[in-house]
């Protein structure tokens, strides 16, 4: 990695893997797996809202990535920085 900075990912849909639906409350999660390997977490950031998919990148644990995702998702399903980037990218395509 060029910068050595810690990274992690948050997605609206999974790219691979299988999972059990997490509980319906904010903070509930289940493992995203491929066979016996844990790839990430399926995390409910808001009660009664579809979950997001959290994965680690560089120098970040899954527990820390989950905590940061919840901390940055106080009002909406996605962390505000990702939500804003998603919005701006869609605006640019118009």
N, C-alpha and C. Protein backbone atom coordinates (compact mmCIF):
# COMPACT_ATOMS: atom_id res chain seq x y z
N UNK A 1 0.85 -1.18 0.00
CA UNK A 1 0.00 0.00 0.00
C UNK A 1 0.89 1.24 0.00
N UNK A 2 0.55 2.18 -0.81
CA UNK A 2 1.39 3.36 -1.01
C UNK A 2 1.46 4.27 0.21
N UNK A 3 0.35 4.49 0.88
CA UNK A 3 0.34 5.45 2.00
C UNK A 3 0.49 4.79 3.36
N UNK A 4 0.14 3.53 3.47
CA UNK A 4 0.19 2.84 4.76
C UNK A 4 -0.96 3.20 5.67
N UNK A 5 -1.93 3.98 5.18
CA UNK A 5 -3.06 4.38 6.00
C UNK A 5 -4.05 3.23 6.20
N UNK A 6 -4.69 3.16 7.35
CA UNK A 6 -5.70 2.13 7.58
C UNK A 6 -6.90 2.35 6.64
N UNK A 7 -7.49 1.25 6.18
CA UNK A 7 -8.66 1.33 5.30
C UNK A 7 -9.67 0.26 5.67
N UNK A 8 -10.91 0.48 5.27
CA UNK A 8 -11.95 -0.54 5.33
C UNK A 8 -13.03 -0.16 4.35
N UNK A 9 -13.94 -1.08 4.06
CA UNK A 9 -14.98 -0.82 3.09
C UNK A 9 -16.37 -0.96 3.67
N UNK A 10 -17.30 -0.19 3.09
CA UNK A 10 -18.72 -0.31 3.42
C UNK A 10 -19.47 -0.29 2.10
N UNK A 11 -20.29 -1.31 1.88
CA UNK A 11 -21.03 -1.43 0.62
C UNK A 11 -22.52 -1.63 0.88
N UNK A 12 -23.32 -1.29 -0.11
CA UNK A 12 -24.76 -1.48 -0.01
C UNK A 12 -25.17 -2.90 -0.35
N UNK A 13 -24.35 -3.59 -1.13
CA UNK A 13 -24.63 -4.98 -1.51
C UNK A 13 -23.35 -5.80 -1.39
N UNK A 14 -23.49 -7.11 -1.15
CA UNK A 14 -22.28 -7.94 -1.05
C UNK A 14 -21.79 -8.32 -2.45
N UNK A 15 -20.48 -8.43 -2.62
CA UNK A 15 -19.91 -8.88 -3.89
C UNK A 15 -19.84 -10.41 -3.92
N UNK A 16 -19.52 -11.00 -2.80
CA UNK A 16 -19.41 -12.46 -2.67
C UNK A 16 -19.86 -12.84 -1.27
N UNK A 17 -20.01 -14.13 -1.05
CA UNK A 17 -20.27 -14.62 0.29
C UNK A 17 -21.73 -14.90 0.58
N UNK A 18 -21.92 -15.54 1.71
CA UNK A 18 -23.26 -15.88 2.21
C UNK A 18 -23.37 -15.40 3.64
N UNK A 19 -24.59 -15.16 4.08
CA UNK A 19 -24.80 -14.65 5.43
C UNK A 19 -26.21 -14.94 5.90
N UNK A 20 -26.38 -14.91 7.21
CA UNK A 20 -27.70 -14.92 7.83
C UNK A 20 -28.09 -13.47 8.06
N UNK A 21 -29.35 -13.17 7.89
CA UNK A 21 -29.84 -11.82 8.12
C UNK A 21 -29.61 -11.44 9.59
N UNK A 22 -29.01 -10.27 9.84
CA UNK A 22 -28.81 -9.86 11.24
C UNK A 22 -30.13 -9.45 11.87
N UNK A 23 -30.12 -9.26 13.20
CA UNK A 23 -31.31 -8.76 13.89
C UNK A 23 -31.75 -7.44 13.31
N UNK A 24 -32.91 -6.96 13.70
CA UNK A 24 -33.50 -5.76 13.11
C UNK A 24 -33.08 -4.46 13.78
N UNK A 25 -32.25 -4.51 14.83
CA UNK A 25 -31.90 -3.31 15.57
C UNK A 25 -30.52 -2.77 15.19
N UNK A 26 -30.37 -1.48 15.33
CA UNK A 26 -29.09 -0.82 15.07
C UNK A 26 -27.98 -1.53 15.86
N UNK A 27 -26.89 -1.85 15.18
CA UNK A 27 -25.77 -2.52 15.82
C UNK A 27 -25.79 -4.04 15.69
N UNK A 28 -26.93 -4.61 15.32
CA UNK A 28 -26.99 -6.06 15.10
C UNK A 28 -26.16 -6.41 13.87
N UNK A 29 -25.49 -7.56 13.90
CA UNK A 29 -24.69 -7.97 12.76
C UNK A 29 -24.60 -9.48 12.67
N UNK A 30 -24.21 -9.95 11.51
CA UNK A 30 -23.90 -11.36 11.29
C UNK A 30 -22.66 -11.42 10.42
N UNK A 31 -22.03 -12.58 10.40
CA UNK A 31 -20.80 -12.74 9.62
C UNK A 31 -21.13 -12.91 8.14
N UNK A 32 -20.32 -12.30 7.30
CA UNK A 32 -20.35 -12.53 5.86
C UNK A 32 -19.25 -13.55 5.59
N UNK A 33 -19.62 -14.72 5.05
CA UNK A 33 -18.67 -15.83 4.93
C UNK A 33 -18.59 -16.34 3.50
N UNK A 34 -17.43 -16.90 3.22
CA UNK A 34 -17.21 -17.70 2.01
C UNK A 34 -16.64 -19.01 2.53
N UNK A 35 -17.49 -20.03 2.63
CA UNK A 35 -17.08 -21.29 3.27
C UNK A 35 -16.81 -21.03 4.74
N UNK A 36 -15.63 -21.40 5.22
CA UNK A 36 -15.26 -21.19 6.62
C UNK A 36 -14.61 -19.83 6.87
N UNK A 37 -14.32 -19.10 5.81
CA UNK A 37 -13.61 -17.83 5.94
C UNK A 37 -14.59 -16.67 6.16
N UNK A 38 -14.32 -15.86 7.19
CA UNK A 38 -15.12 -14.66 7.44
C UNK A 38 -14.56 -13.54 6.58
N UNK A 39 -15.40 -13.00 5.69
CA UNK A 39 -15.00 -11.92 4.78
C UNK A 39 -15.33 -10.54 5.33
N UNK A 40 -16.33 -10.48 6.19
CA UNK A 40 -16.77 -9.18 6.71
C UNK A 40 -17.99 -9.36 7.60
N UNK A 41 -18.72 -8.26 7.75
CA UNK A 41 -19.94 -8.28 8.56
C UNK A 41 -21.10 -7.66 7.80
N UNK A 42 -22.26 -8.21 8.08
CA UNK A 42 -23.52 -7.65 7.61
C UNK A 42 -24.06 -6.87 8.80
N UNK A 43 -24.05 -5.55 8.70
CA UNK A 43 -24.29 -4.68 9.85
C UNK A 43 -25.54 -3.84 9.67
N UNK A 44 -26.38 -3.86 10.68
CA UNK A 44 -27.59 -3.02 10.69
C UNK A 44 -27.21 -1.68 11.31
N UNK A 45 -27.18 -0.62 10.51
CA UNK A 45 -26.79 0.70 11.01
C UNK A 45 -27.98 1.50 11.50
N UNK A 46 -29.17 1.11 11.10
CA UNK A 46 -30.40 1.76 11.56
C UNK A 46 -31.44 0.66 11.81
N UNK A 47 -32.24 0.82 12.84
CA UNK A 47 -33.29 -0.15 13.14
C UNK A 47 -34.28 -0.23 12.00
N UNK A 48 -34.64 -1.47 11.62
CA UNK A 48 -35.62 -1.75 10.57
C UNK A 48 -35.23 -1.21 9.20
N UNK A 49 -33.94 -1.09 8.93
CA UNK A 49 -33.44 -0.64 7.62
C UNK A 49 -32.48 -1.71 7.11
N UNK A 50 -32.39 -1.85 5.77
CA UNK A 50 -31.49 -2.85 5.19
C UNK A 50 -30.08 -2.68 5.74
N UNK A 51 -29.36 -3.79 5.93
CA UNK A 51 -28.00 -3.70 6.45
C UNK A 51 -27.00 -3.26 5.39
N UNK A 52 -25.79 -2.93 5.85
CA UNK A 52 -24.66 -2.66 4.96
C UNK A 52 -23.63 -3.77 5.16
N UNK A 53 -22.64 -3.80 4.28
CA UNK A 53 -21.64 -4.86 4.29
C UNK A 53 -20.28 -4.24 4.56
N UNK A 54 -19.68 -4.59 5.69
CA UNK A 54 -18.42 -4.00 6.15
C UNK A 54 -17.30 -5.02 5.94
N UNK A 55 -16.20 -4.54 5.36
CA UNK A 55 -15.03 -5.41 5.18
C UNK A 55 -13.77 -4.64 5.57
N UNK A 56 -12.77 -5.39 6.03
CA UNK A 56 -11.52 -4.76 6.40
C UNK A 56 -10.66 -4.56 5.16
N UNK A 57 -9.74 -3.63 5.27
CA UNK A 57 -8.79 -3.37 4.21
C UNK A 57 -7.39 -3.55 4.75
N UNK A 58 -6.74 -2.46 5.03
CA UNK A 58 -5.35 -2.46 5.47
C UNK A 58 -5.26 -1.92 6.88
N UNK A 59 -4.60 -2.65 7.78
CA UNK A 59 -4.33 -2.20 9.15
C UNK A 59 -5.59 -1.83 9.94
N UNK A 60 -6.69 -2.54 9.71
CA UNK A 60 -7.94 -2.29 10.43
C UNK A 60 -8.58 -3.62 10.79
N UNK A 61 -9.03 -3.76 12.02
CA UNK A 61 -9.74 -4.97 12.42
C UNK A 61 -11.22 -4.85 12.05
N UNK A 62 -11.88 -5.97 11.99
CA UNK A 62 -13.31 -5.97 11.69
C UNK A 62 -14.10 -5.31 12.81
N UNK A 63 -13.67 -5.48 14.05
CA UNK A 63 -14.34 -4.81 15.17
C UNK A 63 -14.23 -3.29 15.04
N UNK A 64 -13.04 -2.80 14.72
CA UNK A 64 -12.85 -1.35 14.57
C UNK A 64 -13.64 -0.81 13.37
N UNK A 65 -13.62 -1.52 12.26
CA UNK A 65 -14.37 -1.09 11.07
C UNK A 65 -15.87 -1.03 11.39
N UNK A 66 -16.37 -1.98 12.16
CA UNK A 66 -17.78 -1.99 12.55
C UNK A 66 -18.10 -0.80 13.45
N UNK A 67 -17.26 -0.54 14.43
CA UNK A 67 -17.47 0.58 15.34
C UNK A 67 -17.46 1.92 14.59
N UNK A 68 -16.49 2.10 13.72
CA UNK A 68 -16.40 3.35 12.95
C UNK A 68 -17.62 3.51 12.05
N UNK A 69 -18.05 2.43 11.41
CA UNK A 69 -19.22 2.49 10.55
C UNK A 69 -20.45 2.93 11.33
N UNK A 70 -20.65 2.37 12.51
CA UNK A 70 -21.79 2.78 13.34
C UNK A 70 -21.65 4.23 13.79
N UNK A 71 -20.44 4.63 14.17
CA UNK A 71 -20.21 6.02 14.61
C UNK A 71 -20.50 7.03 13.50
N UNK A 72 -20.24 6.65 12.25
CA UNK A 72 -20.43 7.57 11.12
C UNK A 72 -21.81 7.44 10.47
N UNK A 73 -22.66 6.58 11.03
CA UNK A 73 -23.99 6.33 10.47
C UNK A 73 -25.07 6.69 11.48
N UNK A 74 -24.97 7.85 12.06
CA UNK A 74 -25.93 8.25 13.11
C UNK A 74 -27.34 8.46 12.59
N UNK A 75 -27.47 9.05 11.39
CA UNK A 75 -28.80 9.41 10.88
C UNK A 75 -29.26 8.57 9.70
N UNK A 76 -28.33 8.02 8.94
CA UNK A 76 -28.67 7.33 7.72
C UNK A 76 -28.06 5.93 7.68
N UNK A 77 -28.50 5.14 6.73
CA UNK A 77 -28.01 3.77 6.57
C UNK A 77 -26.52 3.72 6.28
N UNK A 78 -26.05 4.59 5.41
CA UNK A 78 -24.63 4.63 5.05
C UNK A 78 -23.89 5.69 5.85
N UNK A 79 -22.61 5.48 6.11
CA UNK A 79 -21.81 6.57 6.72
C UNK A 79 -21.91 7.82 5.86
N UNK A 80 -21.97 8.97 6.48
CA UNK A 80 -22.22 10.22 5.77
C UNK A 80 -21.24 10.45 4.62
N UNK A 81 -19.95 10.15 4.81
CA UNK A 81 -18.98 10.40 3.74
C UNK A 81 -19.26 9.51 2.52
N UNK A 82 -19.66 8.29 2.73
CA UNK A 82 -19.98 7.40 1.61
C UNK A 82 -21.30 7.80 0.97
N UNK A 83 -22.24 8.17 1.78
CA UNK A 83 -23.54 8.63 1.28
C UNK A 83 -23.38 9.85 0.39
N UNK A 84 -22.55 10.77 0.82
CA UNK A 84 -22.31 12.00 0.04
C UNK A 84 -21.57 11.69 -1.26
N UNK A 85 -20.55 10.83 -1.19
CA UNK A 85 -19.81 10.45 -2.40
C UNK A 85 -20.72 9.74 -3.40
N UNK A 86 -21.60 8.87 -2.91
CA UNK A 86 -22.55 8.17 -3.77
C UNK A 86 -23.47 9.18 -4.46
N UNK A 87 -23.97 10.13 -3.71
CA UNK A 87 -24.84 11.17 -4.26
C UNK A 87 -24.13 11.98 -5.33
N UNK A 88 -22.91 12.44 -5.04
CA UNK A 88 -22.17 13.27 -5.99
C UNK A 88 -21.81 12.51 -7.26
N UNK A 89 -21.47 11.23 -7.11
CA UNK A 89 -21.14 10.46 -8.32
C UNK A 89 -22.36 10.28 -9.20
N UNK A 90 -23.52 10.10 -8.60
CA UNK A 90 -24.75 9.97 -9.40
C UNK A 90 -25.12 11.30 -10.07
N UNK A 91 -24.89 12.39 -9.38
CA UNK A 91 -25.13 13.72 -9.96
C UNK A 91 -24.22 13.95 -11.17
N UNK A 92 -22.97 13.53 -11.07
CA UNK A 92 -22.01 13.72 -12.15
C UNK A 92 -22.41 12.92 -13.40
N UNK A 93 -23.12 11.82 -13.22
CA UNK A 93 -23.54 11.00 -14.35
C UNK A 93 -24.74 11.58 -15.09
N UNK A 94 -25.41 12.52 -14.49
CA UNK A 94 -26.61 13.11 -15.13
C UNK A 94 -26.26 14.09 -16.20
